[in-house]
Amino acid sequence: MSLPFFDRRKVRFRPLAERRNKVSFPRGAVSPDQPPRSLPPGSAAILKETGARIRAARAAGRPVICAFGAHTIKNGLGPVLIRLIEDGWITHLATNGAGIIHDWELAFQGGTSEDVRENVGRGEFGTWEETGRLINLGLLVGAYRGLGYGESIGRLIEEQGLEIPAAGELEQAADRFSGDSERAAAAIELLRACRELTIAPGMMAVAHPFKGFSAQAAAFRLGVPFTGHPMIGHDIIYAHPLATGAAIGRTAIRDFLAYAEAVSRIEDGVYLSVGSSVMSPMIFEKSLSMAQNLAAQKGAPIANHFILVVDIAQSAWDWQKDGEPPADDPAYYLRYLKTFSRMGGTMRYLCADNRDFFLSLLSELRGS
């Protein structure tokens, strides 16, 4: 028996310019030159240890991966992330689907973050034409070009538009890429979208007047991996009829494998998990397990990696000293700490606002 499906074509979408946003740039952007506020008591030693680990990792050519939740972007930290990758301290950025969207919306219109309670009640939450159409089209084009999720949107922002292949090229792609079924299928999906939306071939200009604040655009420009790790149904772009599971899946699996490759080199490296209670710990544990599988085959397991978890939840449990708490202790249900405490190496937890942490880390790495 086939299940009934919701018809997204009946949903009325509104121009993004009509939406009231909670966050606006440039006023809401955090300057990397802004002095940090003091971190909570007891944080100084952890911050210094983290800075030392990052310096040692970069001196040895090892990765420093930073995975973060969407609030990092909403809190205006794009410019700080940009400075950290420009200075070579962070070698890989990773976020969830919401982080990708907020970064794009800020670059596109200088505003993001709607009133969820208010807009759900009116049936308008997430029903914004440009966000749904342009991000999904960017993923369709990226899937055809062989790009990842974050790279597809970073390229859209940085190049201020999308290069749309001609219909003839896409029609011939199934034959030309007969040995690459994914590329051929991606061509067919893009062709369908172009026909449905009557999209002309050539450069589709999409102005991003605030792209200087975009971490995705900067990462694309600098050749630094910025991977997106979405979950189907979690993000507002899935309400749009142009959302295509195949394109989303193709670009997302490429990003997961790019992220896993970076994790496979984490020996003597650093992993920063900032404000991500689900995405970061989940993708890290699967990637590290795969990496350990290969490392074990070579007789050289990964053991000397450093993990710093940053969040605002209070935790009095000493995870490094006392191990995993019993199931009747509330600390056991801080899922991200439980997960990372099982990942070997050295784990530290820093309870701090993400703005204070990133500015303090940048200051520590600068030696100021």
Protein backbone atom coordinates (compact mmCIF):
# COMPACT_ATOMS: atom_id res chain seq x y z
CA MET A 1 0.00 0.00 0.00
CA SER A 2 1.43 3.38 -1.00
CA LEU A 3 1.31 6.16 1.56
CA PRO A 4 -0.39 9.49 0.80
CA PHE A 5 2.03 12.38 0.33
CA PHE A 6 1.66 16.04 1.20
CA ASP A 7 1.47 18.18 -1.95
CA ARG A 8 4.04 20.97 -1.50
CA ARG A 9 2.92 22.59 -4.75
CA LYS A 10 -0.17 23.87 -2.96
CA VAL A 11 1.85 25.78 -0.37
CA ARG A 12 1.89 29.55 -0.88
CA PHE A 13 5.42 30.97 -0.63
CA ARG A 14 6.18 34.61 0.09
CA PRO A 15 9.18 36.79 -0.87
CA LEU A 16 11.94 36.62 1.69
CA ALA A 17 12.08 40.43 1.80
CA GLU A 18 8.65 40.43 3.50
CA ARG A 19 9.87 38.40 6.48
CA ARG A 20 10.64 40.02 9.81
CA ASN A 21 14.07 38.80 10.98
CA LYS A 22 15.46 38.59 14.49
CA VAL A 23 19.07 38.87 13.31
CA SER A 24 20.40 41.51 10.95
CA PHE A 25 23.86 42.36 9.59
CA PRO A 26 26.09 44.26 9.73
CA ARG A 27 24.78 45.38 13.13
CA GLY A 28 24.61 41.82 14.47
CA ALA A 29 28.01 40.72 13.20
CA VAL A 30 30.83 40.07 15.65
CA SER A 31 34.16 41.62 14.66
CA PRO A 32 37.19 39.34 15.11
CA ASP A 33 38.97 42.39 16.52
CA GLN A 34 36.42 42.76 19.30
CA PRO A 35 37.93 42.01 22.72
CA PRO A 36 36.44 38.91 24.36
CA ARG A 37 34.51 38.97 27.60
CA SER A 38 35.89 36.91 30.45
CA LEU A 39 35.09 33.23 30.38
CA PRO A 40 33.59 31.50 33.45
CA PRO A 41 35.96 30.72 36.37
CA GLY A 42 38.18 27.71 35.75
CA SER A 43 38.11 28.12 31.96
CA ALA A 44 41.52 29.74 31.51
CA ALA A 45 43.51 26.52 31.86
CA ILE A 46 41.29 24.69 29.34
CA LEU A 47 41.57 27.56 26.87
CA LYS A 48 45.36 27.64 27.17
CA GLU A 49 45.54 23.87 26.73
CA THR A 50 43.34 24.11 23.65
CA GLY A 51 45.48 26.87 22.17
CA ALA A 52 48.65 24.86 22.76
CA ARG A 53 47.09 21.78 21.17
CA ILE A 54 46.00 23.76 18.11
CA ARG A 55 49.46 25.30 17.67
CA ALA A 56 51.09 21.88 17.94
CA ALA A 57 48.61 20.32 15.53
CA ARG A 58 49.16 22.99 12.88
CA ALA A 59 52.94 22.87 13.30
CA ALA A 60 52.75 19.13 12.65
CA GLY A 61 50.39 19.52 9.70
CA ARG A 62 47.51 17.87 11.54
CA PRO A 63 43.87 18.92 11.16
CA VAL A 64 41.90 21.22 13.42
CA ILE A 65 38.23 20.52 12.77
CA CYS A 66 35.51 22.81 14.08
CA ALA A 67 31.91 21.57 14.09
CA PHE A 68 29.26 23.98 15.29
CA GLY A 69 25.53 24.45 15.64
CA ALA A 70 23.47 27.03 13.77
CA HIS A 71 23.53 29.53 16.64
CA THR A 72 27.19 30.18 15.90
CA ILE A 73 26.08 31.78 12.63
CA LYS A 74 22.95 33.41 14.12
CA ASN A 75 25.09 34.95 16.84
CA GLY A 76 27.12 36.78 14.21
CA LEU A 77 30.33 34.73 14.40
CA GLY A 78 30.85 34.29 10.67
CA PRO A 79 33.62 36.95 10.59
CA VAL A 80 35.41 35.26 13.51
CA LEU A 81 35.29 31.88 11.77
CA ILE A 82 36.61 33.56 8.64
CA ARG A 83 39.58 34.99 10.54
CA LEU A 84 40.34 31.58 12.09
CA ILE A 85 40.51 29.90 8.67
CA GLU A 86 42.33 32.83 7.06
CA ASP A 87 45.01 32.59 9.74
CA GLY A 88 45.28 28.84 9.20
CA TRP A 89 44.19 27.78 12.69
CA ILE A 90 41.10 25.85 11.60
CA THR A 91 41.38 23.51 8.63
CA HIS A 92 37.81 22.20 8.37
CA LEU A 93 34.40 23.70 9.24
CA ALA A 94 31.23 21.64 9.65
CA THR A 95 27.66 22.58 10.52
CA ASN A 96 24.10 21.33 10.21
CA GLY A 97 21.50 22.27 7.60
CA ALA A 98 20.25 25.24 9.60
CA GLY A 99 23.77 26.67 9.82
CA ILE A 100 24.02 26.50 6.02
CA ILE A 101 20.69 28.32 5.65
CA HIS A 102 21.42 31.08 8.17
CA ASP A 103 24.80 31.78 6.57
CA TRP A 104 23.19 31.97 3.11
CA GLU A 105 20.30 34.20 4.21
CA LEU A 106 22.68 36.62 5.91
CA ALA A 107 24.83 36.81 2.77
CA PHE A 108 21.78 37.21 0.54
CA GLN A 109 19.78 39.78 2.47
CA GLY A 110 21.63 40.65 5.68
CA GLY A 111 18.94 39.08 7.87
CA THR A 112 17.91 35.68 9.22
CA SER A 113 15.98 33.92 12.02
CA GLU A 114 12.21 34.30 11.91
CA ASP A 115 9.65 34.15 14.73
CA VAL A 116 8.79 30.45 14.71
CA ARG A 117 5.83 30.58 17.10
CA GLU A 118 4.21 33.47 15.26
CA ASN A 119 4.79 32.14 11.76
CA VAL A 120 3.77 28.53 12.41
CA GLY A 121 0.45 29.84 13.72
CA ARG A 122 -0.09 31.65 10.41
CA GLY A 123 1.18 28.74 8.32
CA GLU A 124 4.11 30.85 7.13
CA PHE A 125 7.11 29.39 8.94
CA GLY A 126 9.78 28.45 6.41
CA THR A 127 7.64 29.31 3.39
CA TRP A 128 10.07 31.81 1.87
CA GLU A 129 10.54 31.59 -1.87
CA GLU A 130 14.17 32.62 -2.32
CA THR A 131 15.53 30.44 0.50
CA GLY A 132 13.73 27.35 -0.75
CA ARG A 133 14.27 27.93 -4.45
CA LEU A 134 17.86 29.15 -4.53
CA ILE A 135 19.37 26.80 -1.94
CA ASN A 136 17.67 23.78 -3.50
CA LEU A 137 18.69 24.87 -6.99
CA GLY A 138 22.24 25.39 -5.70
CA LEU A 139 22.25 21.81 -4.42
CA LEU A 140 20.89 20.48 -7.71
CA VAL A 141 23.63 22.27 -9.64
CA GLY A 142 26.23 21.20 -7.07
CA ALA A 143 25.15 17.57 -7.29
CA TYR A 144 25.63 17.68 -11.06
CA ARG A 145 29.02 19.38 -10.72
CA GLY A 146 30.20 16.79 -8.18
CA LEU A 147 30.27 19.22 -5.24
CA GLY A 148 29.38 18.71 -1.60
CA TYR A 149 26.52 20.34 0.31
CA GLY A 150 28.45 23.20 1.91
CA GLU A 151 30.63 23.71 -1.15
CA SER A 152 27.56 24.03 -3.39
CA ILE A 153 26.12 26.89 -1.32
CA GLY A 154 29.52 28.46 -0.66
CA ARG A 155 30.09 28.60 -4.42
CA LEU A 156 26.62 30.11 -4.97
CA ILE A 157 27.46 32.90 -2.52
CA GLU A 158 31.05 33.51 -3.58
CA GLU A 159 30.32 33.54 -7.32
CA GLN A 160 27.07 35.46 -6.80
CA GLY A 161 25.08 33.12 -8.93
CA LEU A 162 24.76 29.72 -10.57
CA GLU A 163 26.09 28.52 -13.90
CA ILE A 164 23.13 26.64 -15.43
CA PRO A 165 24.08 24.04 -18.06
CA ALA A 166 22.25 24.06 -21.38
CA ALA A 167 19.43 21.56 -21.82
CA GLY A 168 21.37 19.81 -24.55
CA GLU A 169 24.33 19.21 -22.25
CA LEU A 170 22.08 17.76 -19.58
CA GLU A 171 20.19 15.61 -22.07
CA GLN A 172 23.44 14.10 -23.32
CA ALA A 173 24.85 13.59 -19.84
CA ALA A 174 23.13 10.24 -19.28
CA ASP A 175 25.07 8.81 -22.23
CA ARG A 176 28.29 10.72 -21.60
CA PHE A 177 28.36 9.63 -17.95
CA SER A 178 27.05 6.12 -18.56
CA GLY A 179 29.75 4.76 -16.26
CA ASP A 180 28.77 7.22 -13.53
CA SER A 181 25.12 6.61 -12.72
CA GLU A 182 25.06 9.26 -9.99
CA ARG A 183 26.30 12.01 -12.30
CA ALA A 184 23.87 10.94 -15.03
CA ALA A 185 20.95 10.90 -12.61
CA ALA A 186 21.97 14.30 -11.22
CA ALA A 187 21.88 15.71 -14.77
CA ILE A 188 18.35 14.39 -15.30
CA GLU A 189 17.19 15.87 -11.99
CA LEU A 190 18.68 19.27 -12.81
CA LEU A 191 17.13 19.18 -16.28
CA ARG A 192 13.69 18.48 -14.78
CA ALA A 193 14.05 21.40 -12.36
CA CYS A 194 15.16 23.78 -15.13
CA ARG A 195 12.19 22.82 -17.27
CA GLU A 196 9.69 23.13 -14.43
CA LEU A 197 10.97 26.58 -13.44
CA THR A 198 11.74 27.68 -17.03
CA ILE A 199 15.34 28.44 -16.08
CA ALA A 200 17.48 29.70 -18.96
CA PRO A 201 21.02 28.31 -19.42
CA GLY A 202 24.03 30.41 -18.64
CA MET A 203 24.96 32.46 -15.59
CA MET A 204 22.00 33.07 -13.28
CA ALA A 205 23.04 36.15 -11.32
CA VAL A 206 22.12 36.07 -7.62
CA ALA A 207 23.46 39.08 -5.73
CA HIS A 208 24.83 38.46 -2.23
CA PRO A 209 25.61 41.99 -0.98
CA PHE A 210 26.66 40.72 2.45
CA LYS A 211 28.88 37.85 1.27
CA GLY A 212 31.81 39.30 3.20
CA PHE A 213 30.17 37.94 6.36
CA SER A 214 29.72 34.43 4.93
CA ALA A 215 31.93 31.68 6.33
CA GLN A 216 30.79 29.38 3.52
CA ALA A 217 31.88 31.83 0.83
CA ALA A 218 35.23 32.44 2.53
CA ALA A 219 35.86 28.72 2.89
CA PHE A 220 35.09 28.17 -0.81
CA ARG A 221 37.37 31.07 -1.79
CA LEU A 222 40.22 29.81 0.42
CA GLY A 223 39.82 26.13 -0.48
CA VAL A 224 39.01 25.18 3.12
CA PRO A 225 36.47 22.34 3.49
CA PHE A 226 33.10 23.52 4.84
CA THR A 227 30.82 20.53 5.10
CA GLY A 228 27.05 20.54 5.61
CA HIS A 229 25.36 17.74 7.54
CA PRO A 230 21.57 18.09 7.14
CA MET A 231 18.77 15.81 8.29
CA ILE A 232 15.75 15.36 6.04
CA GLY A 233 12.76 17.29 7.33
CA HIS A 234 14.75 19.38 9.82
CA ASP A 235 15.24 22.44 7.62
CA ILE A 236 12.85 24.92 6.03
CA ILE A 237 14.08 24.21 2.49
CA TYR A 238 12.20 20.88 2.47
CA ALA A 239 8.87 22.72 2.31
CA HIS A 240 9.74 23.95 -1.18
CA PRO A 241 8.68 21.80 -4.18
CA LEU A 242 12.18 22.09 -5.60
CA ALA A 243 13.68 20.14 -2.68
CA THR A 244 15.02 16.94 -4.21
CA GLY A 245 16.02 14.07 -1.97
CA ALA A 246 18.55 12.78 -4.47
CA ALA A 247 20.44 16.10 -4.77
CA ILE A 248 20.34 16.66 -1.02
CA GLY A 249 21.55 13.12 -0.41
CA ARG A 250 24.31 13.22 -3.02
CA THR A 251 25.81 16.46 -1.77
CA ALA A 252 25.38 15.50 1.90
CA ILE A 253 27.03 12.08 1.55
CA ARG A 254 29.98 13.69 -0.23
CA ASP A 255 30.33 16.07 2.70
CA PHE A 256 30.07 13.29 5.24
CA LEU A 257 32.86 11.37 3.51
CA ALA A 258 35.00 14.53 3.24
CA TYR A 259 34.47 15.10 6.95
CA ALA A 260 35.27 11.45 7.72
CA GLU A 261 38.49 11.74 5.73
CA ALA A 262 39.54 14.70 7.90
CA VAL A 263 38.68 12.74 11.05
CA SER A 264 40.80 9.84 9.79
CA ARG A 265 43.84 12.16 10.13
CA ILE A 266 42.94 13.38 13.64
CA GLU A 267 45.90 11.69 15.36
CA ASP A 268 47.75 14.58 17.07
CA GLY A 269 44.98 16.85 15.81
CA VAL A 270 42.17 18.81 17.44
CA TYR A 271 38.39 18.58 17.29
CA LEU A 272 36.26 21.51 18.45
CA SER A 273 32.54 20.86 18.97
CA VAL A 274 30.73 24.12 19.70
CA GLY A 275 27.03 24.27 20.52
CA SER A 276 26.04 21.11 18.68
CA SER A 277 24.25 18.58 20.85
CA VAL A 278 23.27 16.14 18.08
CA MET A 279 24.95 16.66 14.71
CA SER A 280 28.58 16.95 15.79
CA PRO A 281 28.77 14.00 18.23
CA MET A 282 26.79 11.73 15.91
CA ILE A 283 28.87 12.28 12.77
CA PHE A 284 32.12 12.22 14.76
CA GLU A 285 31.52 8.84 16.39
CA LYS A 286 30.65 7.16 13.06
CA SER A 287 33.61 8.77 11.30
CA LEU A 288 36.07 7.92 14.05
CA SER A 289 34.90 4.32 14.09
CA MET A 290 35.51 4.04 10.34
CA ALA A 291 38.89 5.70 10.78
CA GLN A 292 39.81 3.34 13.62
CA ASN A 293 38.83 0.40 11.42
CA LEU A 294 41.45 1.40 8.85
CA ALA A 295 43.99 2.38 11.50
CA ALA A 296 43.61 -0.98 13.24
CA GLN A 297 44.35 -2.76 9.97
CA LYS A 298 47.68 -0.92 9.94
CA GLY A 299 48.34 -1.60 13.62
CA ALA A 300 48.32 2.12 14.49
CA PRO A 301 45.08 3.08 16.25
CA ILE A 302 44.17 6.75 16.69
CA ALA A 303 44.83 7.63 20.33
CA ASN A 304 46.39 11.08 20.69
CA HIS A 305 43.59 13.40 19.60
CA PHE A 306 42.21 16.32 21.58
CA ILE A 307 38.49 17.07 21.81
CA LEU A 308 37.07 20.28 23.23
CA VAL A 309 33.30 20.42 23.70
CA VAL A 310 31.79 23.88 24.26
CA ASP A 311 28.19 24.49 25.30
CA ILE A 312 26.19 26.55 27.79
CA ALA A 313 24.79 23.62 29.82
CA GLN A 314 26.24 23.34 33.29
CA SER A 315 28.06 20.10 34.06
CA ALA A 316 29.78 19.45 37.37
CA TRP A 317 30.78 15.92 36.37
CA ASP A 318 34.50 15.42 35.72
CA TRP A 319 34.33 13.35 32.53
CA GLN A 320 38.07 12.98 32.17
CA LYS A 321 38.72 11.93 35.75
CA ASP A 322 35.58 9.96 36.65
CA GLY A 323 34.60 8.50 33.28
CA GLU A 324 30.98 8.05 32.29
CA PRO A 325 28.40 8.84 34.98
CA PRO A 326 25.81 6.24 36.04
CA ALA A 327 22.41 6.27 34.36
CA ASP A 328 20.73 7.72 37.46
CA ASP A 329 22.89 10.86 37.30
CA PRO A 330 21.48 13.76 35.20
CA ALA A 331 24.93 14.22 33.65
CA TYR A 332 24.48 10.89 31.87
CA TYR A 333 21.85 12.53 29.66
CA LEU A 334 24.14 15.23 28.34
CA ARG A 335 24.33 13.13 25.21
CA TYR A 336 27.10 15.04 23.49
CA LEU A 337 29.41 14.75 26.50
CA LYS A 338 28.62 11.07 26.89
CA THR A 339 29.39 10.47 23.22
CA PHE A 340 32.66 12.39 23.14
CA SER A 341 33.82 10.84 26.43
CA ARG A 342 33.75 7.48 24.62
CA MET A 343 35.91 8.66 21.72
CA GLY A 344 39.35 8.14 23.28
CA GLY A 345 42.11 10.72 23.30
CA THR A 346 41.67 13.69 25.66
CA MET A 347 38.30 15.39 26.14
CA ARG A 348 37.67 18.71 27.85
CA TYR A 349 34.39 20.51 28.46
CA LEU A 350 34.08 24.28 28.53
CA CYS A 351 30.81 25.85 29.65
CA ALA A 352 30.65 29.14 27.75
CA ASP A 353 28.66 31.26 25.31
CA ASN A 354 29.90 30.58 21.78
CA ARG A 355 30.69 34.27 21.17
CA ASP A 356 32.87 34.44 24.26
CA PHE A 357 34.59 31.17 23.39
CA PHE A 358 35.48 31.94 19.78
CA LEU A 359 36.74 35.44 20.57
CA SER A 360 38.76 34.11 23.51
CA LEU A 361 40.21 31.31 21.38
CA LEU A 362 41.22 33.76 18.66
CA SER A 363 42.83 36.01 21.27
CA GLU A 364 44.68 33.05 22.80
CA LEU A 365 45.99 31.92 19.41
CA ARG A 366 47.14 35.45 18.60
CA GLY A 367 48.93 35.57 21.93
CA SER A 368 47.10 38.75 22.93
